């Protein structure tokens, strides 16, 4: 019995040492910055930190992940959770991705009779300037975000060209759908003291509602403190068929398609 007990203790102690070593290594590999300690304390209790740091997401996407963690039992104040979102988006956002180098691939020889797909030349500075001006002048930044400018209420446009074809982008500008996809819906709240809050809905249950406001702040409200709770399913996106010329629409679609 004594020998068996000692063997079990050795196994348990060995496991603790391995786990501690792994966590220490992960902690040392994390970049320094405000929110690092909150991230380690709140997030590493359920999974290894490298599971999170291997991802590259926008601030809105990280906010949605943190909100889901809260719904699953993660503990932290609003300020601490916002620190985690800021830390992750600053250090593991899409703009600072560092993909592994890939060896160049020699294209396979093709038959002269087979037409090659046309390669779009990069946009000129003038074309980019015109497209960004169209975005600003037509109020797109009141809902969407491009780079460091705009709102978090609607979908982030930084990577829209990677998952929308030019034809889909053209259709969205000319004839936007009437309903919003569930992941892009906004919510309108009225608190018991009469204050109205709006934002992009991240998560809700019978006890609380989590949203991200237009400035990118993660907000959480107790359902018991709300007088009204309305999920907005209609698409606020206007049609630009009569607001932009055919050439302006083409230029804008080409710019959006370049945002990979």
Protein backbone atom coordinates (compact mmCIF):
# COMPACT_ATOMS: atom_id res chain seq x y z
CA UNK A 1 0.00 0.00 0.00
CA UNK A 2 2.81 2.41 0.97
CA UNK A 3 4.70 1.73 -2.25
CA UNK A 4 1.55 2.26 -4.35
CA UNK A 5 0.78 5.52 -2.58
CA UNK A 6 4.33 6.79 -3.12
CA UNK A 7 4.13 5.87 -6.81
CA UNK A 8 0.90 7.82 -7.24
CA UNK A 9 2.41 10.82 -5.50
CA UNK A 10 5.41 10.74 -7.83
CA UNK A 11 3.10 10.67 -10.89
CA UNK A 12 0.98 13.58 -9.57
CA UNK A 13 4.03 15.66 -8.67
CA UNK A 14 5.54 14.97 -12.07
CA UNK A 15 2.36 16.12 -13.77
CA UNK A 16 2.33 19.33 -11.73
CA UNK A 17 5.95 20.04 -12.60
CA UNK A 18 5.26 19.49 -16.34
CA UNK A 19 2.17 21.71 -16.24
CA UNK A 20 3.99 24.44 -14.33
CA UNK A 21 6.91 24.31 -16.76
CA UNK A 22 4.56 24.57 -19.74
CA UNK A 23 2.65 27.50 -18.29
CA UNK A 24 5.90 29.29 -17.40
CA UNK A 25 7.23 28.80 -20.92
CA UNK A 26 4.00 30.13 -22.40
CA UNK A 27 4.06 33.13 -20.07
CA UNK A 28 7.64 33.95 -21.02
CA UNK A 29 6.83 33.77 -24.74
CA UNK A 30 3.97 36.28 -24.46
CA UNK A 31 4.74 39.86 -25.50
CA UNK A 32 4.78 42.43 -22.73
CA UNK A 33 2.01 44.98 -22.49
CA UNK A 34 -1.01 46.20 -20.60
CA UNK A 35 -3.50 43.36 -20.18
CA UNK A 36 -0.96 40.52 -20.25
CA UNK A 37 -1.47 39.63 -16.58
CA UNK A 38 -5.27 39.76 -16.93
CA UNK A 39 -5.08 37.53 -20.03
CA UNK A 40 -2.93 34.94 -18.24
CA UNK A 41 -5.09 34.91 -15.12
CA UNK A 42 -8.51 34.85 -16.80
CA UNK A 43 -7.82 32.75 -19.88
CA UNK A 44 -5.14 30.20 -18.97
CA UNK A 45 -7.31 28.50 -16.35
CA UNK A 46 -9.26 26.62 -19.03
CA UNK A 47 -6.84 26.25 -21.94
CA UNK A 48 -3.22 26.88 -22.88
CA UNK A 49 -2.40 30.43 -23.90
CA UNK A 50 -0.90 29.28 -27.20
CA UNK A 51 -4.39 28.21 -28.29
CA UNK A 52 -5.38 31.86 -28.23
CA UNK A 53 -2.11 33.39 -29.40
CA UNK A 54 -2.03 31.21 -32.50
CA UNK A 55 -5.09 33.11 -33.78
CA UNK A 56 -5.19 36.41 -35.68
CA UNK A 57 -8.43 38.37 -35.27
CA UNK A 58 -9.81 41.90 -35.34
CA UNK A 59 -10.71 43.65 -32.10
CA UNK A 60 -14.41 42.92 -32.66
CA UNK A 61 -13.64 39.22 -33.16
CA UNK A 62 -11.48 39.07 -30.02
CA UNK A 63 -14.26 40.82 -28.10
CA UNK A 64 -16.69 38.13 -29.25
CA UNK A 65 -14.27 35.41 -28.09
CA UNK A 66 -13.87 37.02 -24.66
CA UNK A 67 -17.64 37.43 -24.37
CA UNK A 68 -18.07 33.72 -25.10
CA UNK A 69 -15.51 32.94 -22.38
CA UNK A 70 -17.52 35.01 -19.91
CA UNK A 71 -20.69 33.14 -20.87
CA UNK A 72 -18.84 29.88 -20.14
CA UNK A 73 -17.76 30.99 -16.68
CA UNK A 74 -14.62 33.12 -17.06
CA UNK A 75 -14.33 35.59 -14.19
CA UNK A 76 -13.18 39.20 -14.52
CA UNK A 77 -14.36 42.77 -14.16
CA UNK A 78 -15.43 44.82 -17.20
CA UNK A 79 -12.13 46.73 -17.05
CA UNK A 80 -10.10 43.50 -16.88
CA UNK A 81 -12.01 41.94 -19.78
CA UNK A 82 -11.52 45.08 -21.85
CA UNK A 83 -7.79 44.90 -21.02
CA UNK A 84 -7.73 41.34 -22.35
CA UNK A 85 -9.47 42.39 -25.60
CA UNK A 86 -7.06 45.31 -26.04
CA UNK A 87 -4.02 43.11 -25.35
CA UNK A 88 -5.09 40.40 -27.78
CA UNK A 89 -6.07 42.78 -30.57
CA UNK A 90 -2.82 44.76 -30.16
CA UNK A 91 -0.52 41.72 -30.17
CA UNK A 92 -2.49 39.10 -32.09
CA UNK A 93 -4.56 41.15 -34.52
CA UNK A 94 -4.80 40.49 -38.25
CA UNK A 95 -2.43 43.35 -39.00
CA UNK A 96 0.49 41.74 -37.13
CA UNK A 97 0.15 38.18 -38.32
CA UNK A 98 3.46 36.42 -38.88
CA UNK A 99 2.83 33.41 -41.10
CA UNK A 100 5.51 30.78 -41.49
CA UNK A 101 7.69 31.26 -44.56
CA UNK A 102 6.56 29.21 -47.51
CA UNK A 103 8.96 27.88 -50.12
CA UNK A 104 8.34 29.35 -53.56
CA UNK A 105 6.41 27.07 -55.87
CA UNK A 106 7.42 26.76 -59.49
CA UNK A 107 4.28 27.00 -61.62
CA UNK A 108 3.54 23.94 -63.68
CA UNK A 109 3.98 24.33 -67.41
CA UNK A 110 0.75 25.07 -69.19
CA UNK A 111 -0.37 24.58 -72.72
CA UNK A 112 -0.32 27.74 -74.88
CA UNK A 113 -3.90 26.98 -75.84
CA UNK A 114 -5.13 27.30 -72.23
CA UNK A 115 -5.87 30.94 -71.32
CA UNK A 116 -4.28 32.16 -68.09
CA UNK A 117 -6.31 33.96 -65.42
CA UNK A 118 -5.69 37.68 -65.50
CA UNK A 119 -3.72 39.00 -62.54
CA UNK A 120 -5.07 42.25 -61.17
CA UNK A 121 -2.31 44.88 -60.90
CA UNK A 122 -1.99 46.55 -57.50
CA UNK A 123 -4.03 49.69 -56.93
CA UNK A 124 -2.31 52.99 -57.42
CA UNK A 125 -2.13 55.59 -54.66
CA UNK A 126 -4.67 57.66 -56.59
CA UNK A 127 -7.14 54.77 -56.78
CA UNK A 128 -6.78 54.04 -53.07
CA UNK A 129 -7.23 57.71 -52.23
CA UNK A 130 -10.40 57.91 -54.34
CA UNK A 131 -11.89 54.77 -52.75
CA UNK A 132 -11.16 55.87 -49.19
CA UNK A 133 -12.69 59.26 -50.00
CA UNK A 134 -15.85 57.56 -51.29
CA UNK A 135 -16.04 55.52 -48.08
CA UNK A 136 -15.74 58.63 -45.93
CA UNK A 137 -18.13 60.79 -47.98
CA UNK A 138 -20.88 58.14 -48.05
CA UNK A 139 -20.96 57.48 -44.31
CA UNK A 140 -19.60 53.92 -44.46
CA UNK A 141 -17.42 54.48 -41.39
CA UNK A 142 -20.48 55.11 -39.20
CA UNK A 143 -21.02 51.33 -39.21
CA UNK A 144 -17.88 49.73 -40.66
CA UNK A 145 -14.20 49.89 -39.84
CA UNK A 146 -11.26 50.09 -42.24
CA UNK A 147 -7.79 50.08 -40.74
CA UNK A 148 -7.77 52.31 -37.66
CA UNK A 149 -10.83 54.35 -38.64
CA UNK A 150 -14.55 53.74 -38.28
CA UNK A 151 -17.11 52.03 -36.09
CA UNK A 152 -17.39 48.54 -34.65
CA UNK A 153 -21.16 48.30 -35.15
CA UNK A 154 -21.00 46.57 -38.53
CA UNK A 155 -18.68 43.99 -40.09
CA UNK A 156 -14.99 44.92 -40.25
CA UNK A 157 -13.98 45.57 -43.87
CA UNK A 158 -10.25 44.97 -43.46
CA UNK A 159 -10.48 41.39 -44.75
CA UNK A 160 -13.66 41.59 -46.79
CA UNK A 161 -11.86 40.83 -50.05
CA UNK A 162 -10.78 37.43 -48.71
CA UNK A 163 -14.31 36.09 -48.28
CA UNK A 164 -16.43 38.14 -50.70
CA UNK A 165 -16.13 38.03 -54.47
CA UNK A 166 -16.28 41.28 -56.48
CA UNK A 167 -19.73 40.24 -57.68
CA UNK A 168 -20.96 39.79 -54.09
CA UNK A 169 -19.52 43.15 -53.06
CA UNK A 170 -21.15 44.85 -56.02
CA UNK A 171 -24.52 43.28 -55.13
CA UNK A 172 -24.17 44.33 -51.48
CA UNK A 173 -23.64 47.94 -52.52
CA UNK A 174 -26.42 48.03 -55.08
CA UNK A 175 -29.05 45.73 -53.54
CA UNK A 176 -28.22 44.95 -49.89
CA UNK A 177 -30.16 42.12 -48.29
CA UNK A 178 -33.07 43.08 -46.04
CA UNK A 179 -31.94 40.98 -43.08
CA UNK A 180 -28.62 40.98 -41.25
CA UNK A 181 -26.67 37.80 -40.59
CA UNK A 182 -26.98 36.74 -36.92
CA UNK A 183 -23.31 37.46 -36.20
CA UNK A 184 -23.72 41.06 -37.44
CA UNK A 185 -26.93 42.01 -35.63
CA UNK A 186 -27.13 45.00 -33.35
CA UNK A 187 -29.05 45.35 -30.12
CA UNK A 188 -30.92 48.27 -28.55
CA UNK A 189 -31.14 48.39 -24.77
CA UNK A 190 -33.01 50.75 -22.47
CA UNK A 191 -31.91 50.58 -18.84
CA UNK A 192 -34.28 50.93 -15.91
CA UNK A 193 -33.15 54.53 -15.45
CA UNK A 194 -34.09 55.36 -19.07
CA UNK A 195 -30.63 55.34 -20.67
CA UNK A 196 -30.44 53.91 -24.21
CA UNK A 197 -27.49 51.76 -25.26
CA UNK A 198 -26.82 50.33 -28.72
CA UNK A 199 -24.10 48.09 -30.07
CA UNK A 200 -23.22 44.96 -31.96
CA UNK A 201 -24.65 41.94 -30.17
CA UNK A 202 -22.01 39.47 -29.00
CA UNK A 203 -23.90 37.19 -26.63
CA UNK A 204 -27.01 37.06 -24.45
CA UNK A 205 -28.81 34.67 -22.13
CA UNK A 206 -31.43 34.86 -19.42
CA UNK A 207 -29.13 36.79 -17.10
CA UNK A 208 -26.99 39.16 -19.13
CA UNK A 209 -26.32 40.81 -22.49
CA UNK A 210 -22.87 41.47 -23.95
CA UNK A 211 -22.26 43.92 -26.78
CA UNK A 212 -19.49 45.92 -28.38
CA UNK A 213 -20.24 49.60 -28.86
CA UNK A 214 -19.26 51.83 -31.77
CA UNK A 215 -15.94 52.75 -30.12
CA UNK A 216 -14.96 49.10 -29.63
CA UNK A 217 -15.66 48.87 -25.91
CA UNK A 218 -16.93 45.55 -24.55
CA UNK A 219 -20.09 46.19 -22.51
CA UNK A 220 -22.08 43.82 -20.30
CA UNK A 221 -25.56 44.46 -18.85
CA UNK A 222 -27.63 42.46 -16.38
CA UNK A 223 -31.06 41.60 -17.81
CA UNK A 224 -32.64 42.56 -14.49
CA UNK A 225 -31.42 46.14 -15.04
CA UNK A 226 -33.05 46.54 -18.46
CA UNK A 227 -36.44 47.98 -19.29
CA UNK A 228 -36.18 47.07 -22.99
CA UNK A 229 -34.10 44.56 -24.96
CA UNK A 230 -34.48 44.56 -28.76
CA UNK A 231 -32.37 42.65 -31.29
CA UNK A 232 -32.33 44.54 -34.60
CA UNK A 233 -32.56 42.09 -37.50
CA UNK A 234 -33.20 44.51 -40.38
CA UNK A 235 -30.21 45.61 -42.43
CA UNK A 236 -29.44 49.35 -42.06
CA UNK A 237 -27.20 49.23 -45.14
CA UNK A 238 -28.60 51.61 -47.79
CA UNK A 239 -28.44 51.02 -51.53
CA UNK A 240 -25.81 53.03 -53.38
CA UNK A 241 -27.19 52.26 -56.84
CA UNK A 242 -28.50 55.83 -57.18
CA UNK A 243 -25.88 57.48 -54.98
CA UNK A 244 -22.72 56.43 -56.80
CA UNK A 245 -21.91 56.39 -60.49
CA UNK A 246 -21.14 53.09 -62.19
CA UNK A 247 -17.45 54.04 -62.29
CA UNK A 248 -17.40 54.94 -58.59
CA UNK A 249 -19.05 51.62 -57.73
CA UNK A 250 -16.46 49.73 -59.78
CA UNK A 251 -13.60 51.62 -58.15
CA UNK A 252 -14.98 51.01 -54.67
CA UNK A 253 -15.51 47.28 -55.33
CA UNK A 254 -11.96 46.94 -56.65
CA UNK A 255 -10.59 48.61 -53.52
CA UNK A 256 -12.68 46.43 -51.18
CA UNK A 257 -11.61 43.32 -53.10
CA UNK A 258 -7.98 44.24 -52.42
CA UNK A 259 -8.52 44.17 -48.65
CA UNK A 260 -7.35 40.64 -47.91
